Amino acid sequence: MAWHIYIDGASSGNPGEAGAGIIAFDEKGNEILNESIYLGHMTNNMAEYSALIVALQKAEEASVHDLFIYTDSQLVAYQIQGKYKVKNHQLSKYVEKAKAIIKHFNNFDIQYIPRTENRLADKLAKNGVNKKG
């Protein structure tokens, strides 16, 4: 089973109130997951990583074998791919957590996409910010 998940994180203030947006499709293009999640107070990059981790956890819980992640965060995509070094100590914890989950998939890929191709996840992330309380 393969999933294609678009993720985004948003922070109002950076750091500020944050949210994650996740929208997943099966291999036939059917939408199977659509979530806005309030994350609490964090930076934008922490929110981006939190969205990734939640997506990974959802896919793992559903016994997905092949996972394809799409994000408009070049930092997240390139750090997970190993193209960028992780210099921020706080973010390194998120990277370690994500990579520990990624090991459970037969195939995994994360791609950086332009923001214009990630509008749905972006909207869900912004909705997540507003879910506080």
Protein backbone atom coordinates (compact mmCIF):
# COMPACT_ATOMS: atom_id res chain seq x y z
CA MET A 1 0.00 0.00 0.00
CA ALA A 2 1.32 3.44 -0.95
CA TRP A 3 0.38 6.87 0.37
CA HIS A 4 1.17 10.30 -1.02
CA ILE A 5 1.04 12.90 1.77
CA TYR A 6 1.24 16.67 1.42
CA ILE A 7 2.33 18.34 4.66
CA ASP A 8 2.74 21.88 5.92
CA GLY A 9 3.43 23.64 9.17
CA ALA A 10 2.52 27.18 10.12
CA SER A 11 3.45 29.45 12.99
CA SER A 12 1.79 32.75 13.79
CA GLY A 13 4.68 34.85 15.03
CA ASN A 14 7.66 32.49 14.67
CA PRO A 15 7.74 31.44 17.40
CA GLY A 16 4.03 31.57 18.03
CA GLU A 17 0.88 29.52 17.95
CA ALA A 18 1.44 26.75 15.43
CA GLY A 19 -0.50 24.26 13.35
CA ALA A 20 0.06 21.36 11.00
CA GLY A 21 -1.81 20.41 7.86
CA ILE A 22 -1.78 16.93 6.40
CA ILE A 23 -3.61 15.63 3.36
CA ALA A 24 -3.04 12.08 2.15
CA PHE A 25 -3.99 10.22 -1.01
CA ASP A 26 -3.82 6.53 -1.85
CA GLU A 27 -2.15 5.22 -5.00
CA LYS A 28 -5.37 5.79 -6.97
CA GLY A 29 -5.56 9.45 -5.97
CA ASN A 30 -8.40 9.02 -3.47
CA GLU A 31 -8.20 11.35 -0.48
CA ILE A 32 -7.84 9.22 2.66
CA LEU A 33 -6.74 11.72 5.29
CA ASN A 34 -7.32 15.42 5.79
CA GLU A 35 -6.30 17.00 9.10
CA SER A 36 -5.67 20.36 10.75
CA ILE A 37 -3.79 20.00 14.03
CA TYR A 38 -3.04 22.60 16.69
CA LEU A 39 0.58 22.15 17.82
CA GLY A 40 1.03 24.75 20.55
CA HIS A 41 3.76 27.38 20.72
CA MET A 42 6.76 26.77 18.43
CA THR A 43 8.77 28.07 15.47
CA ASN A 44 7.75 27.60 11.87
CA ASN A 45 10.48 25.00 11.27
CA MET A 46 9.38 23.05 14.35
CA ALA A 47 5.81 23.13 13.00
CA GLU A 48 7.02 21.86 9.60
CA TYR A 49 8.81 18.96 11.30
CA SER A 50 5.82 18.25 13.54
CA ALA A 51 3.63 17.95 10.44
CA LEU A 52 6.13 15.46 8.99
CA ILE A 53 6.22 13.39 12.18
CA VAL A 54 2.42 13.26 12.47
CA ALA A 55 2.19 12.18 8.82
CA LEU A 56 4.81 9.47 9.38
CA GLN A 57 2.98 8.22 12.46
CA LYS A 58 -0.39 8.10 10.64
CA ALA A 59 1.15 6.15 7.75
CA GLU A 60 2.88 3.75 10.12
CA GLU A 61 -0.36 3.15 12.05
CA ALA A 62 -2.10 2.34 8.75
CA SER A 63 0.62 -0.19 7.82
CA VAL A 64 1.64 1.78 4.73
CA HIS A 65 4.60 0.22 2.90
CA ASP A 66 5.50 2.95 0.43
CA LEU A 67 5.36 6.57 1.54
CA PHE A 68 5.85 9.69 -0.54
CA ILE A 69 5.92 13.03 1.30
CA TYR A 70 5.59 16.42 -0.38
CA THR A 71 6.53 19.61 1.47
CA ASP A 72 7.14 23.24 0.60
CA SER A 73 9.80 23.39 3.33
CA GLN A 74 13.11 23.08 1.54
CA LEU A 75 14.83 22.83 4.94
CA VAL A 76 12.80 19.79 6.02
CA ALA A 77 13.05 18.01 2.66
CA TYR A 78 16.78 18.58 2.28
CA GLN A 79 17.69 17.79 5.89
CA ILE A 80 15.78 14.49 5.75
CA GLN A 81 17.42 13.70 2.37
CA GLY A 82 20.82 14.52 3.87
CA LYS A 83 21.53 17.40 1.46
CA TYR A 84 21.56 19.93 4.33
CA LYS A 85 23.27 19.44 7.68
CA VAL A 86 21.17 19.84 10.81
CA LYS A 87 22.86 22.63 12.75
CA ASN A 88 20.00 23.58 15.08
CA HIS A 89 20.04 21.42 18.21
CA GLN A 90 16.25 21.71 18.71
CA LEU A 91 15.56 20.61 15.14
CA SER A 92 17.98 17.68 15.39
CA LYS A 93 15.55 16.03 17.84
CA TYR A 94 12.78 16.25 15.25
CA VAL A 95 15.08 14.86 12.54
CA GLU A 96 16.08 11.90 14.74
CA LYS A 97 12.45 11.14 15.56
CA ALA A 98 11.41 11.33 11.89
CA LYS A 99 14.29 9.13 10.70
CA ALA A 100 13.49 6.52 13.36
CA ILE A 101 9.95 6.19 11.92
CA ILE A 102 11.09 6.36 8.28
CA LYS A 103 13.09 3.13 8.80
CA HIS A 104 9.81 1.21 9.09
CA PHE A 105 8.75 1.86 5.48
CA ASN A 106 9.83 -0.32 2.56
CA ASN A 107 10.12 2.76 0.34
CA PHE A 108 10.28 6.37 1.45
CA ASP A 109 10.73 9.58 -0.47
CA ILE A 110 10.39 13.21 0.51
CA GLN A 111 10.25 15.93 -2.11
CA TYR A 112 10.42 19.69 -1.94
CA ILE A 113 7.59 21.24 -3.96
CA PRO A 114 6.69 24.88 -4.63
CA ARG A 115 4.22 26.48 -2.23
CA THR A 116 1.73 26.82 -5.11
CA GLU A 117 1.52 23.01 -5.28
CA ASN A 118 0.90 22.73 -1.54
CA ARG A 119 -2.10 25.02 -1.08
CA LEU A 120 -4.37 22.41 0.54
CA ALA A 121 -1.87 21.46 3.25
CA ASP A 122 -1.05 25.15 3.77
CA LYS A 123 -4.71 25.96 4.36
CA LEU A 124 -5.06 23.03 6.78
CA ALA A 125 -1.94 24.16 8.70
CA LYS A 126 -3.30 27.70 9.04
CA ASN A 127 -6.62 26.25 10.24
CA GLY A 128 -4.65 24.26 12.81
CA VAL A 129 -3.13 27.47 14.20
CA ASN A 130 -6.66 28.78 14.79
CA LYS A 131 -7.81 25.65 16.64
CA LYS A 132 -6.22 26.79 19.91
CA GLY A 133 -8.46 26.42 22.92
